[in-house]
Amino acid sequence: DAVSEEFRRGEPIASWRRVYRVRESQIAEALAEAGERWPGVVIGSYPTFPNDGPHVEIVVKSIGADALAAASAWLASAIEERG
């Protein structure tokens, strides 16, 4: 019951995710900068190394829709420039 009450009070967390065909090292600076620009947004990167080349899944999460939209738009543009 105590846990269910926490879920009722909490704000929903929205997320944005994309997979890019780059090495994580190519976009590390953009990930760090996004984290500095939007400290209330959680940014995760999950690299994989399949046979067709490296991929990185980027996940951005936030309870604030405006912050999520701004951070994910900026990050997508920054990754496209560097990738």
Protein backbone atom coordinates (compact mmCIF):
# COMPACT_ATOMS: atom_id res chain seq x y z
CA ASP A 1 0.00 0.00 0.00
CA ALA A 2 2.81 2.43 0.81
CA VAL A 3 4.40 1.89 -2.60
CA SER A 4 1.12 2.23 -4.47
CA GLU A 5 0.56 5.61 -2.80
CA GLU A 6 3.95 6.79 -4.11
CA PHE A 7 2.91 5.83 -7.63
CA ARG A 8 -0.34 7.76 -7.34
CA ARG A 9 1.45 10.92 -6.19
CA GLY A 10 4.34 10.81 -8.67
CA GLU A 11 4.32 12.61 -11.96
CA PRO A 12 4.53 10.47 -15.09
CA ILE A 13 7.93 10.18 -16.69
CA ALA A 14 8.04 10.69 -20.44
CA SER A 15 10.86 9.40 -22.59
CA TRP A 16 12.41 9.83 -26.01
CA ARG A 17 14.68 7.21 -27.54
CA ARG A 18 16.61 6.85 -30.75
CA VAL A 19 19.26 4.51 -32.11
CA TYR A 20 22.22 5.99 -33.98
CA ARG A 21 24.84 4.20 -36.05
CA VAL A 22 27.82 5.86 -34.39
CA ARG A 23 30.38 5.06 -31.73
CA GLU A 24 29.52 6.39 -28.29
CA SER A 25 32.87 8.20 -28.22
CA GLN A 26 31.78 10.28 -31.25
CA ILE A 27 28.83 11.75 -29.36
CA ALA A 28 30.10 11.72 -25.76
CA GLU A 29 30.61 15.50 -25.69
CA ALA A 30 27.07 16.13 -26.92
CA LEU A 31 25.67 13.80 -24.26
CA ALA A 32 27.63 15.57 -21.53
CA GLU A 33 26.61 19.01 -22.79
CA ALA A 34 22.94 18.03 -22.88
CA GLY A 35 23.22 16.85 -19.28
CA GLU A 36 24.69 20.22 -18.29
CA ARG A 37 22.08 22.23 -20.20
CA TRP A 38 19.13 20.26 -18.79
CA PRO A 39 20.12 19.00 -15.33
CA GLY A 40 16.57 17.82 -14.59
CA VAL A 41 16.59 15.49 -17.60
CA VAL A 42 18.08 12.00 -17.39
CA ILE A 43 20.16 10.98 -20.40
CA GLY A 44 21.35 7.43 -20.97
CA SER A 45 23.44 5.92 -23.73
CA TYR A 46 23.60 2.22 -24.45
CA PRO A 47 26.19 1.11 -27.02
CA THR A 48 26.07 -2.20 -28.88
CA PHE A 49 28.47 -3.70 -31.37
CA PRO A 50 26.60 -5.88 -33.87
CA ASN A 51 28.20 -7.25 -37.04
CA ASP A 52 26.93 -4.31 -39.13
CA GLY A 53 28.80 -1.74 -37.02
CA PRO A 54 28.43 0.13 -33.74
CA HIS A 55 25.07 1.48 -32.58
CA VAL A 56 24.15 3.65 -29.62
CA GLU A 57 20.65 3.83 -28.21
CA ILE A 58 20.04 7.22 -26.59
CA VAL A 59 17.28 7.52 -24.00
CA VAL A 60 16.14 10.86 -22.58
CA LYS A 61 13.66 10.91 -19.66
CA SER A 62 11.95 13.73 -17.81
CA ILE A 63 8.82 14.57 -15.88
CA GLY A 64 8.78 17.94 -17.66
CA ALA A 65 7.44 17.75 -21.21
CA ASP A 66 9.05 21.06 -22.24
CA ALA A 67 12.47 20.05 -20.93
CA LEU A 68 12.19 16.66 -22.60
CA ALA A 69 11.28 18.23 -25.94
CA ALA A 70 14.05 20.82 -25.77
CA ALA A 71 16.75 18.39 -24.66
CA SER A 72 15.84 15.68 -27.16
CA ALA A 73 15.59 18.13 -30.09
CA TRP A 74 18.94 19.69 -29.24
CA LEU A 75 20.56 16.30 -28.72
CA ALA A 76 19.23 14.87 -31.99
CA SER A 77 20.62 17.86 -33.88
CA ALA A 78 23.98 17.68 -32.08
CA ILE A 79 24.31 13.96 -32.77
CA GLU A 80 23.48 14.41 -36.46
CA GLU A 81 26.22 17.07 -36.71
CA ARG A 82 28.84 14.88 -35.02
CA GLY A 83 27.78 11.46 -36.21
